[in-house]
Protein backbone atom coordinates (compact mmCIF):
# COMPACT_ATOMS: atom_id res chain seq x y z
CA MET A 1 -28.38 -27.55 101.92
CA SER A 2 -25.55 -25.71 103.03
CA SER A 3 -23.55 -23.16 101.07
CA SER A 4 -20.67 -25.27 101.10
CA ASN A 5 -22.55 -28.19 99.59
CA ASN A 6 -24.01 -25.80 96.95
CA GLU A 7 -20.58 -24.64 96.02
CA LYS A 8 -19.45 -28.20 95.78
CA ASN A 9 -22.56 -29.19 93.57
CA LEU A 10 -22.15 -26.34 91.39
CA PHE A 11 -18.16 -27.01 90.88
CA GLY A 12 -18.99 -30.47 90.33
CA GLU A 13 -21.56 -29.56 87.46
CA GLN A 14 -19.18 -26.99 85.86
CA LYS A 15 -16.64 -29.86 85.66
CA LEU A 16 -19.04 -32.08 83.89
CA ILE A 17 -19.99 -29.16 81.53
CA ASP A 18 -16.23 -28.73 80.56
CA ASP A 19 -15.81 -32.36 80.11
CA ARG A 20 -18.69 -32.39 77.56
CA ILE A 21 -17.50 -29.06 75.69
CA LYS A 22 -14.24 -30.97 75.33
CA LYS A 23 -16.12 -34.05 73.73
CA ILE A 24 -17.94 -31.58 71.43
CA ASP A 25 -14.44 -30.19 70.29
CA SER A 26 -13.40 -33.81 69.64
CA LEU A 27 -16.30 -34.83 67.68
CA LYS A 28 -15.84 -31.64 65.49
CA SER A 29 -12.15 -32.55 64.80
CA LEU A 30 -13.45 -35.99 63.61
CA GLY A 31 -15.74 -34.35 61.27
CA VAL A 32 -18.71 -35.25 63.23
CA ASP A 33 -21.55 -32.49 63.82
CA PRO A 34 -22.69 -32.87 67.23
CA TYR A 35 -25.87 -30.93 66.37
CA PRO A 36 -26.95 -32.21 62.81
CA PRO A 37 -30.06 -30.39 61.25
CA ARG A 38 -32.25 -33.45 60.96
CA PHE A 39 -32.66 -37.22 61.48
CA CYS A 40 -35.22 -39.48 59.72
CA ARG A 41 -37.07 -41.41 62.37
CA THR A 42 -39.42 -44.13 61.14
CA HIS A 43 -40.85 -45.08 64.49
CA THR A 44 -41.31 -43.97 68.03
CA THR A 45 -40.47 -46.18 70.96
CA LYS A 46 -44.17 -47.28 71.26
CA GLN A 47 -44.42 -47.89 67.67
CA ALA A 48 -41.26 -50.16 67.76
CA ILE A 49 -42.52 -51.95 70.47
CA ASN A 50 -46.12 -52.40 68.95
CA LEU A 51 -44.39 -53.48 65.52
CA TYR A 52 -42.48 -56.28 67.24
CA THR A 53 -45.42 -57.47 69.25
CA LYS A 54 -47.58 -57.51 66.18
CA MET A 55 -45.08 -59.34 63.92
CA GLU A 56 -44.27 -61.91 66.91
CA LYS A 57 -48.21 -62.71 67.10
CA GLU A 58 -48.25 -63.12 63.54
CA GLY A 59 -45.36 -65.56 63.57
CA LYS A 60 -43.14 -63.30 61.40
CA ASP A 61 -40.15 -62.67 63.74
CA SER A 62 -37.63 -63.69 61.07
CA LYS A 63 -39.02 -61.37 58.56
CA LEU A 64 -38.93 -58.36 61.13
CA LEU A 65 -35.47 -59.07 62.01
CA GLU A 66 -34.62 -58.27 58.29
CA SER A 67 -36.23 -54.94 58.48
CA LYS A 68 -34.40 -51.91 59.55
CA ILE A 69 -36.05 -49.10 61.48
CA SER A 70 -34.95 -45.52 62.70
CA ILE A 71 -35.67 -44.39 66.25
CA SER A 72 -34.50 -41.39 68.42
CA GLY A 73 -34.67 -40.20 71.77
CA ARG A 74 -32.91 -38.82 74.77
CA VAL A 75 -30.40 -41.03 76.60
CA MET A 76 -31.74 -41.92 80.19
CA SER A 77 -29.14 -44.56 81.25
CA LYS A 78 -26.00 -46.03 79.72
CA ARG A 79 -24.26 -49.40 80.88
CA ASP A 80 -20.84 -49.82 78.93
CA MET A 81 -19.48 -53.19 78.99
CA GLY A 82 -16.44 -52.76 76.86
CA SER A 83 -17.63 -54.74 73.65
CA VAL A 84 -21.42 -54.41 74.47
CA CYS A 85 -23.26 -51.28 75.52
CA PHE A 86 -26.92 -51.07 76.66
CA ILE A 87 -28.70 -47.68 76.38
CA ASP A 88 -32.18 -46.57 77.26
CA ILE A 89 -33.43 -43.80 75.36
CA LYS A 90 -36.69 -42.02 75.93
CA ASP A 91 -39.18 -40.26 73.49
CA ILE A 92 -42.60 -38.87 73.97
CA ASP A 93 -44.19 -42.18 73.79
CA GLY A 94 -42.03 -44.24 76.45
CA VAL A 95 -38.52 -45.84 76.75
CA ILE A 96 -36.71 -48.50 74.84
CA GLN A 97 -33.42 -50.30 75.19
CA ILE A 98 -30.50 -50.05 72.58
CA PHE A 99 -28.11 -52.93 72.25
CA SER A 100 -24.86 -51.96 70.83
CA LYS A 101 -22.33 -54.62 70.00
CA LYS A 102 -18.68 -53.57 69.02
CA ASP A 103 -17.96 -56.22 66.24
CA GLN A 104 -21.46 -55.36 64.45
CA MET A 105 -21.12 -51.57 64.52
CA LYS A 106 -17.16 -51.52 63.81
CA GLU A 107 -16.09 -48.00 63.52
CA ASN A 108 -19.50 -46.48 64.49
CA TYR A 109 -19.18 -48.06 68.00
CA SER A 110 -16.37 -45.49 69.06
CA LEU A 111 -19.28 -42.90 68.97
CA LEU A 112 -20.43 -44.23 72.15
CA ASP A 113 -17.43 -42.90 74.00
CA TYR A 114 -18.80 -39.45 73.49
CA VAL A 115 -22.41 -40.25 74.33
CA ASP A 116 -23.51 -39.16 78.05
CA ILE A 117 -26.88 -39.29 79.74
CA GLY A 118 -29.26 -36.48 78.78
CA ASP A 119 -27.76 -36.64 75.15
CA ILE A 120 -30.11 -37.02 72.20
CA ILE A 121 -29.28 -39.81 69.66
CA GLY A 122 -30.53 -41.57 66.61
CA VAL A 123 -30.47 -45.24 66.01
CA ASN A 124 -30.77 -47.43 62.83
CA GLY A 125 -31.19 -51.07 63.47
CA VAL A 126 -33.80 -54.05 64.05
CA VAL A 127 -36.09 -54.77 66.69
CA PHE A 128 -35.59 -57.80 68.69
CA LYS A 129 -36.26 -59.45 72.08
CA THR A 130 -33.43 -60.37 74.45
CA ARG A 131 -33.00 -63.61 76.19
CA ARG A 132 -34.58 -61.86 79.31
CA GLY A 133 -37.84 -60.95 77.16
CA GLN A 134 -37.06 -57.26 76.70
CA ILE A 135 -37.88 -55.70 73.49
CA SER A 136 -34.88 -53.67 72.17
CA ILE A 137 -33.43 -52.14 69.22
CA ASP A 138 -30.38 -54.05 68.00
CA CYS A 139 -28.14 -50.97 67.00
CA GLN A 140 -26.38 -51.18 63.59
CA GLU A 141 -25.62 -47.45 63.32
CA LEU A 142 -25.54 -44.53 65.80
CA SER A 143 -26.01 -40.85 65.30
CA ILE A 144 -25.34 -38.07 68.00
CA LEU A 145 -28.10 -35.53 67.33
CA THR A 146 -27.91 -33.28 70.22
CA LYS A 147 -24.84 -33.21 72.73
CA SER A 148 -26.25 -31.98 76.01
CA LEU A 149 -23.97 -29.70 78.19
CA ARG A 150 -25.85 -29.89 81.63
CA PRO A 151 -26.44 -33.46 83.08
CA LEU A 152 -29.96 -34.51 84.18
CA PRO A 153 -30.33 -34.25 87.94
CA ASP A 154 -29.18 -37.25 89.86
CA LYS A 155 -32.06 -39.87 90.83
CA TRP A 156 -34.60 -37.51 89.61
CA GLY A 157 -37.38 -39.83 89.80
CA GLY A 158 -37.25 -39.68 93.62
CA LEU A 159 -36.62 -36.19 93.66
CA SER A 160 -39.12 -34.22 95.85
CA ASP A 161 -38.18 -30.63 95.36
CA HIS A 162 -41.32 -29.13 93.98
CA GLU A 163 -39.60 -25.74 93.33
CA VAL A 164 -37.18 -27.27 91.09
CA ARG A 165 -39.57 -29.47 89.32
CA PHE A 166 -42.08 -26.32 88.52
CA ARG A 167 -39.42 -24.02 87.64
CA GLN A 168 -37.58 -26.19 85.36
CA LYS A 169 -40.67 -28.07 84.04
CA TYR A 170 -38.65 -29.26 80.95
CA LEU A 171 -36.83 -31.44 83.56
CA ASP A 172 -39.89 -32.67 85.05
CA LEU A 173 -41.32 -33.71 81.60
CA ILE A 174 -38.00 -35.61 80.76
CA SER A 175 -37.67 -37.52 84.17
CA ASN A 176 -41.40 -37.78 85.45
CA PRO A 177 -43.77 -39.92 83.29
CA GLN A 178 -46.76 -38.34 85.28
CA ALA A 179 -46.00 -34.84 84.01
CA MET A 180 -45.75 -35.91 80.36
CA LYS A 181 -49.01 -37.60 80.90
CA ASN A 182 -50.60 -34.63 82.59
CA ALA A 183 -49.41 -32.61 79.40
CA ILE A 184 -50.98 -34.84 77.02
CA LEU A 185 -54.15 -35.18 79.10
CA ARG A 186 -54.55 -31.30 79.19
CA SER A 187 -54.29 -31.27 75.26
CA ASN A 188 -56.83 -33.95 75.00
CA VAL A 189 -59.20 -32.26 77.47
CA VAL A 190 -59.19 -29.03 75.11
CA ARG A 191 -59.55 -31.37 72.03
CA TYR A 192 -62.53 -33.06 73.26
CA MET A 193 -64.13 -29.73 74.66
CA ARG A 194 -63.91 -28.20 71.18
CA GLU A 195 -65.26 -31.33 69.71
CA PHE A 196 -68.31 -31.31 71.98
CA MET A 197 -69.00 -27.66 71.59
CA HIS A 198 -68.80 -27.87 67.65
CA GLU A 199 -71.01 -30.91 67.68
CA ASN A 200 -73.79 -29.11 69.61
CA GLY A 201 -73.72 -26.32 67.07
CA PHE A 202 -71.33 -23.61 68.87
CA ILE A 203 -69.10 -21.28 66.95
CA GLU A 204 -65.62 -20.72 68.19
CA VAL A 205 -64.40 -17.18 68.18
CA GLU A 206 -61.35 -15.22 69.52
CA THR A 207 -61.97 -11.88 71.37
CA PRO A 208 -59.46 -9.35 72.41
CA ILE A 209 -56.98 -9.89 75.30
CA LEU A 210 -55.88 -6.31 75.74
CA VAL A 211 -58.90 -4.34 76.68
CA PRO A 212 -59.73 -0.75 77.68
CA ILE A 213 -61.81 -1.91 80.73
CA ALA A 214 -61.21 -4.93 82.76
CA ALA A 215 -64.99 -6.06 83.13
CA GLY A 216 -67.10 -8.90 83.04
CA ALA A 217 -65.98 -10.47 86.36
CA GLN A 218 -65.08 -9.44 89.93
CA ALA A 219 -61.23 -9.44 90.07
CA THR A 220 -58.23 -7.17 90.09
CA PRO A 221 -56.69 -6.84 86.75
CA PHE A 222 -53.22 -6.38 85.49
CA GLU A 223 -52.32 -3.07 83.67
CA THR A 224 -50.39 -2.18 80.81
CA TYR A 225 -50.06 0.74 78.35
CA HIS A 226 -50.09 1.09 74.70
CA ASN A 227 -47.78 3.46 73.20
CA GLN A 228 -49.24 4.24 70.15
CA LEU A 229 -52.58 4.95 71.30
CA SER A 230 -51.48 6.50 74.55
CA GLU A 231 -53.77 4.52 76.36
CA LYS A 232 -53.85 2.43 79.62
CA LEU A 233 -54.95 -1.11 78.78
CA TYR A 234 -55.61 -4.35 81.03
CA LEU A 235 -55.22 -7.95 80.40
CA ARG A 236 -58.83 -9.41 80.16
CA ILE A 237 -60.05 -10.73 83.44
CA ALA A 238 -62.98 -12.44 81.38
CA THR A 239 -64.29 -13.02 77.78
CA GLU A 240 -67.90 -12.61 78.74
CA LEU A 241 -68.89 -8.96 77.78
CA TYR A 242 -67.41 -9.52 74.09
CA LEU A 243 -68.96 -12.78 73.78
CA LYS A 244 -72.35 -11.26 74.86
CA LYS A 245 -71.78 -8.78 72.26
CA LEU A 246 -71.68 -11.37 69.63
CA ILE A 247 -75.07 -12.73 71.02
CA VAL A 248 -76.28 -9.22 70.36
CA GLY A 249 -74.95 -9.65 66.85
CA GLY A 250 -76.79 -12.79 66.17
CA ILE A 251 -74.11 -15.44 66.67
CA GLU A 252 -76.50 -17.57 68.75
CA LYS A 253 -74.25 -20.19 69.98
CA VAL A 254 -70.73 -18.90 70.59
CA PHE A 255 -67.79 -20.20 72.71
CA GLU A 256 -64.01 -19.09 73.39
CA ILE A 257 -61.21 -21.16 74.87
CA GLY A 258 -58.72 -18.66 76.02
CA ARG A 259 -56.28 -17.25 78.71
CA LEU A 260 -57.44 -14.97 81.43
CA PHE A 261 -55.41 -12.93 83.72
CA ARG A 262 -56.16 -11.99 87.30
CA ASN A 263 -53.97 -10.16 89.65
CA GLU A 264 -54.51 -12.48 92.75
CA GLY A 265 -53.20 -15.07 95.13
CA ILE A 266 -51.29 -18.11 94.17
CA ASP A 267 -52.52 -21.50 95.80
CA HIS A 268 -53.13 -25.09 94.79
CA ASN A 269 -56.19 -23.88 92.87
CA HIS A 270 -55.20 -20.51 91.64
CA ASN A 271 -52.64 -19.05 89.12
CA PRO A 272 -52.57 -15.43 87.84
CA GLU A 273 -52.97 -16.71 84.19
CA PHE A 274 -55.51 -19.72 83.66
CA THR A 275 -57.54 -21.01 80.94
CA THR A 276 -61.33 -21.27 80.69
CA ILE A 277 -64.09 -22.02 78.27
CA GLU A 278 -66.92 -19.53 78.17
CA SER A 279 -69.94 -19.98 76.33
CA TYR A 280 -73.24 -18.32 75.56
CA GLU A 281 -76.39 -19.72 74.00
CA ALA A 282 -79.26 -17.46 73.21
CA TYR A 283 -82.92 -18.61 74.19
CA SER A 284 -81.55 -20.77 77.09
CA ASP A 285 -81.28 -20.13 80.65
CA TYR A 286 -78.97 -21.69 83.49
CA ASN A 287 -81.16 -24.73 83.75
CA ASP A 288 -79.92 -25.56 80.07
CA VAL A 289 -76.32 -24.57 80.88
CA MET A 290 -76.40 -27.12 83.78
CA ASN A 291 -77.36 -29.78 81.03
CA LEU A 292 -74.41 -28.53 78.93
CA VAL A 293 -71.76 -28.78 81.55
CA GLU A 294 -72.71 -32.21 82.92
CA ASN A 295 -73.01 -33.61 79.46
CA MET A 296 -69.76 -31.95 78.35
CA VAL A 297 -67.62 -32.85 81.37
CA SER A 298 -69.00 -36.47 81.26
CA PHE A 299 -68.17 -36.57 77.24
CA ILE A 300 -64.66 -35.63 77.93
CA ALA A 301 -64.16 -37.97 80.83
CA LYS A 302 -65.43 -40.99 78.87
CA LYS A 303 -63.26 -40.02 75.75
CA ILE A 304 -60.12 -39.91 77.63
CA ASN A 305 -60.62 -42.45 80.52
CA GLY A 306 -63.08 -44.70 78.70
CA SER A 307 -65.54 -44.18 81.76
CA MET A 308 -67.40 -41.55 83.58
CA ILE A 309 -66.09 -42.93 86.72
CA ILE A 310 -62.87 -41.32 88.06
CA LYS A 311 -61.27 -44.02 90.20
CA SER A 312 -59.74 -43.06 93.32
CA GLU A 313 -56.37 -44.36 94.39
CA ASN A 314 -57.03 -43.08 97.89
CA GLU A 315 -59.14 -45.45 100.23
CA ASN A 316 -60.53 -42.38 101.97
CA ILE A 317 -61.73 -40.79 98.95
CA PRO A 318 -64.61 -42.11 96.94
CA ASP A 319 -64.67 -42.75 93.25
CA ILE A 320 -66.18 -39.63 91.48
CA ASP A 321 -69.28 -40.61 89.19
CA LEU A 322 -69.68 -37.79 86.51
CA THR A 323 -72.75 -39.48 84.90
CA PRO A 324 -75.45 -37.04 84.44
CA PRO A 325 -77.81 -35.84 86.11
CA TRP A 326 -75.66 -34.18 88.68
CA LYS A 327 -77.34 -33.25 91.86
CA ARG A 328 -78.82 -29.77 92.22
CA VAL A 329 -78.57 -28.02 95.61
CA ASP A 330 -80.42 -24.77 96.72
CA LEU A 331 -77.58 -22.69 98.04
CA ARG A 332 -79.89 -20.69 100.43
CA LYS A 333 -81.38 -23.87 102.03
CA THR A 334 -77.92 -25.29 102.11
CA LEU A 335 -76.53 -22.31 104.33
CA ILE A 336 -79.64 -22.28 106.61
CA ASP A 337 -79.00 -26.10 107.18
CA LYS A 338 -75.32 -26.17 107.57
CA VAL A 339 -74.50 -23.05 109.41
CA GLY A 340 -77.87 -21.19 110.25
CA ILE A 341 -77.40 -18.38 107.94
CA ASP A 342 -80.27 -17.26 105.68
CA TYR A 343 -78.87 -14.68 103.46
CA LEU A 344 -82.01 -12.91 102.91
CA GLU A 345 -82.34 -12.12 106.44
CA ILE A 346 -78.80 -11.71 107.58
CA ASN A 347 -78.26 -9.39 104.85
CA ASP A 348 -75.93 -6.56 106.40
CA ARG A 349 -72.43 -6.81 106.80
CA ASN A 350 -72.13 -6.51 110.60
CA SER A 351 -74.47 -9.18 111.53
CA LEU A 352 -72.97 -11.65 108.87
CA ALA A 353 -69.53 -10.76 110.53
CA GLN A 354 -70.84 -11.67 113.88
CA LYS A 355 -72.35 -14.87 112.73
CA MET A 356 -69.01 -15.77 111.07
CA LYS A 357 -67.04 -15.16 114.36
CA GLU A 358 -69.48 -17.34 116.07
CA LEU A 359 -68.74 -20.16 113.55
CA LYS A 360 -65.07 -19.43 113.93
CA ILE A 361 -64.80 -18.53 110.20
CA HIS A 362 -62.16 -15.79 109.40
CA VAL A 363 -63.53 -12.16 108.89
CA ASP A 364 -61.68 -9.92 106.61
CA GLU A 365 -62.32 -6.51 108.35
CA ASN A 366 -61.95 -4.97 104.69
CA ALA A 367 -64.26 -7.42 102.83
CA THR A 368 -67.97 -6.49 101.77
CA TRP A 369 -71.10 -8.45 102.64
CA GLY A 370 -70.77 -10.39 99.56
CA ARG A 371 -67.26 -11.34 99.94
CA LEU A 372 -67.99 -12.53 103.57
CA LEU A 373 -70.73 -14.59 102.48
CA ASP A 374 -68.59 -16.23 99.61
CA LYS A 375 -65.98 -16.93 102.37
CA VAL A 376 -68.77 -18.74 104.36
CA ILE A 377 -69.76 -20.77 101.35
CA SER A 378 -66.08 -21.83 100.66
CA SER A 379 -65.48 -22.75 104.42
CA ALA A 380 -68.59 -24.44 105.31
CA ILE A 381 -70.19 -25.66 101.97
CA GLU A 382 -67.73 -26.54 99.50
CA PRO A 383 -65.67 -28.99 101.07
CA ASP A 384 -68.49 -31.25 101.40
CA LEU A 385 -69.35 -31.08 97.45
CA ILE A 386 -67.46 -34.30 96.69
CA GLN A 387 -69.53 -35.86 94.13
CA PRO A 388 -70.73 -33.38 91.21
CA HIS A 389 -73.01 -30.85 92.52
CA PHE A 390 -74.65 -27.61 91.31
CA LEU A 391 -75.09 -25.19 93.87
CA VAL A 392 -77.78 -22.74 92.49
CA ASP A 393 -79.45 -19.52 93.13
CA TYR A 394 -77.20 -16.94 94.45
CA PRO A 395 -77.99 -13.41 96.38
CA ILE A 396 -77.95 -10.60 93.94
CA GLU A 397 -75.07 -8.71 95.51
CA MET A 398 -72.67 -11.62 94.33
CA SER A 399 -73.96 -11.79 90.67
CA PRO A 400 -74.03 -8.55 89.04
CA LEU A 401 -74.36 -9.93 85.41
CA ALA A 402 -77.09 -12.59 86.48
CA LYS A 403 -80.78 -12.56 85.68
CA LYS A 404 -83.09 -12.38 88.85
CA LYS A 405 -85.55 -15.16 89.48
CA PRO A 406 -89.02 -14.72 88.58
CA GLY A 407 -90.81 -13.13 91.56
CA SER A 408 -87.67 -12.27 93.64
CA ASP A 409 -85.56 -9.10 93.85
CA ASN A 410 -82.77 -10.57 96.11
CA VAL A 411 -82.11 -13.88 94.20
CA VAL A 412 -80.47 -14.48 90.82
CA GLU A 413 -80.28 -17.52 88.34
CA ARG A 414 -76.72 -18.52 89.06
CA PHE A 415 -75.05 -21.76 89.67
CA GLU A 416 -71.66 -23.04 90.48
CA ALA A 417 -70.59 -26.38 89.78
CA PHE A 418 -68.42 -28.32 92.49
CA VAL A 419 -66.59 -31.51 92.19
CA MET A 420 -64.07 -32.77 94.96
CA GLY A 421 -64.77 -29.79 96.91
CA SER A 422 -63.53 -27.26 94.20
CA GLU A 423 -65.33 -24.95 91.96
CA LEU A 424 -65.42 -26.34 88.40
CA ALA A 425 -67.87 -23.66 86.65
CA ASN A 426 -69.71 -20.57 87.18
CA ALA A 427 -72.84 -19.96 85.23
CA PHE A 428 -76.10 -17.99 85.11
CA SER A 429 -79.01 -16.67 82.99
CA GLU A 430 -77.54 -13.62 81.61
CA LEU A 431 -79.02 -10.22 82.62
CA ASN A 432 -80.18 -8.77 79.32
CA ASP A 433 -82.41 -5.76 80.67
CA PRO A 434 -79.97 -2.76 80.02
CA ILE A 435 -81.57 -0.61 82.70
CA ASP A 436 -81.12 -2.90 85.50
CA GLN A 437 -77.57 -3.92 84.21
CA ARG A 438 -76.59 -0.16 84.30
CA LYS A 439 -77.82 0.39 87.92
CA ARG A 440 -75.83 -2.91 88.95
CA PHE A 441 -72.79 -1.60 87.46
CA GLU A 442 -73.30 1.63 89.04
CA ASP A 443 -73.60 -0.19 92.28
CA GLN A 444 -70.38 -1.95 91.81
CA GLU A 445 -68.46 1.26 90.91
CA LYS A 446 -69.97 2.68 94.51
CA MET A 447 -68.55 -0.41 96.16
CA ARG A 448 -65.08 0.28 94.59
CA ALA A 449 -65.08 3.99 95.38
CA ILE A 450 -66.63 3.85 98.89
CA GLN A 451 -65.99 0.46 100.28
CA GLY A 452 -62.71 0.06 98.49
CA ASP A 453 -63.44 -3.23 96.77
CA LEU A 454 -61.02 -3.22 94.18
CA GLU A 455 -62.54 -6.49 92.58
CA ALA A 456 -65.94 -5.10 92.08
CA ASP A 457 -67.10 -5.16 88.56
CA ARG A 458 -66.58 -2.33 86.31
CA LEU A 459 -68.99 -0.12 84.15
CA ASP A 460 -68.43 -1.00 80.53
CA GLU A 461 -70.37 1.67 78.65
CA ASP A 462 -69.86 0.08 75.19
CA PHE A 463 -71.34 -3.16 76.55
CA LEU A 464 -74.40 -1.38 77.84
CA VAL A 465 -74.69 0.12 74.45
CA ALA A 466 -74.66 -3.21 72.83
CA ILE A 467 -77.33 -4.74 75.01
CA GLU A 468 -79.68 -1.67 74.56
CA HIS A 469 -79.96 -2.68 71.03
CA GLY A 470 -81.53 -5.74 72.34
CA MET A 471 -79.93 -9.23 73.60
CA PRO A 472 -81.99 -12.33 73.74
CA PRO A 473 -82.45 -14.37 76.73
CA THR A 474 -79.14 -16.16 77.17
CA GLY A 475 -77.31 -18.77 79.28
CA GLY A 476 -73.89 -18.34 79.90
CA LEU A 477 -70.88 -20.35 81.37
CA GLY A 478 -67.47 -20.12 82.39
CA LEU A 479 -65.49 -23.60 83.00
CA GLY A 480 -61.83 -23.72 84.22
CA VAL A 481 -60.03 -25.97 81.72
CA ASP A 482 -57.02 -26.36 84.33
CA ARG A 483 -59.44 -27.40 87.05
CA LEU A 484 -61.28 -29.91 84.81
CA THR A 485 -57.79 -31.48 83.75
CA MET A 486 -56.82 -31.69 87.69
CA LEU A 487 -60.17 -33.55 88.20
CA LEU A 488 -59.45 -36.12 85.44
CA SER A 489 -55.79 -36.63 86.38
CA GLY A 490 -56.19 -36.91 89.85
CA GLU A 491 -53.94 -34.08 90.72
CA SER A 492 -54.48 -31.68 93.75
CA SER A 493 -52.24 -28.78 92.60
CA ILE A 494 -52.91 -26.80 89.44
CA ARG A 495 -49.12 -26.41 89.11
CA GLU A 496 -48.91 -30.14 88.12
CA ILE A 497 -51.22 -29.28 85.23
CA LEU A 498 -49.79 -25.82 84.00
CA LEU A 499 -46.60 -26.23 82.00
CA PHE A 500 -45.15 -22.99 83.23
CA PRO A 501 -46.93 -22.03 86.56
CA ALA A 502 -46.34 -18.57 88.04
CA MET A 503 -43.31 -18.72 90.63
CA ARG A 504 -41.93 -16.26 92.99
CA LYS A 505 -38.59 -14.86 91.92
CA GLN A 506 -35.61 -16.31 93.21
């Protein structure tokens, strides 16, 4: 859009704002408060429609017409025909038509002159069905509850400007039914996730967000500073180490649903702040956690969609079947079969980089061997994992907090869950050997110092002291709440799920 068009639009919008301010002044001069403190609503739009439908089925239409209800919502359209006016209002449940007749409303009808699209109004009246069969409210009394200054965007339903939608999410919620549906869906995902965990005996806790050491994951943290303590702090990158301290303390089944913060890139699957559920269960291993994941996800899906099958609207994408058990796939064997890489043999950086170049996979010259192998997995393996899969058993260099497989010094009991080619969960049998854990932390510190790997895990002395007191065998899980919501909603971008996604400064 040209700068001249922008100026015209800004001028036009300012004129509308000025006109609405004049209407506010006029209302006040008439003794009408354009921002009253409350409105007694008896029904939502959906409840009003359901009420009429129920009464109609019961043959009680005449009685219904004598029953006045109160309803409220935002004005989405207005069709003024002089002595009759039709208004569509929207609330969280949907849209309903308001029918206003001058000879019925009398003096109150004049308030309609001050009502604009975007305003919030209250209506007292009765539910009825028009000659065209549309359930509506026959308005007897109108109240202006909020006079809006700015108009809603023109033809918002057809707007394709994602930048505007994500920056002004409130407008997206007003105008885009799918946005509201996604917001409610995400709330229900968390609700049923909690329900599942509580039913399975887990205790929910909260752990610190501001931490002295950003450990428990391989990620770059955000830094801050506490003035009173005169101490640098970090926004947590994981809840893992605190939750495992609680396992040491005897809370044998524990979980937390909370925000994590990682100073990393932004794309369709990533946001600098996001929500996960992390859980830890004493006396279990990663096999038990696999069962937990597939049972929890299928439970949530059935609660929300009534089925474990996610129907695809794209003929090129199959329906997703979340029914347990999910397929278990050995990572090492898959890498050998797919790209000819045995991570136990191609175990130095230069050899792996050369193999990646042969496969035409981009090589980051600053990346460590583990980072390069992760790139191979994400490029060559993950896109094919459409149906639910557990990719199991990872090299130790990629999993500094996971327990070794019995009989192996190079492979750990770790899995990642994938659906639709995207990682949904990461889990492992937790390393509870304090001597081994200390050595691995020290190796990670060397990677940061020598190889410049800023995402390498950090040595947390307080955590080491905790597990030196003895941590039982434990299975641990991290699962992305936003990713799960994306899966259940059919959305391909995390920005469609987050209410306030991170955006570049304009």
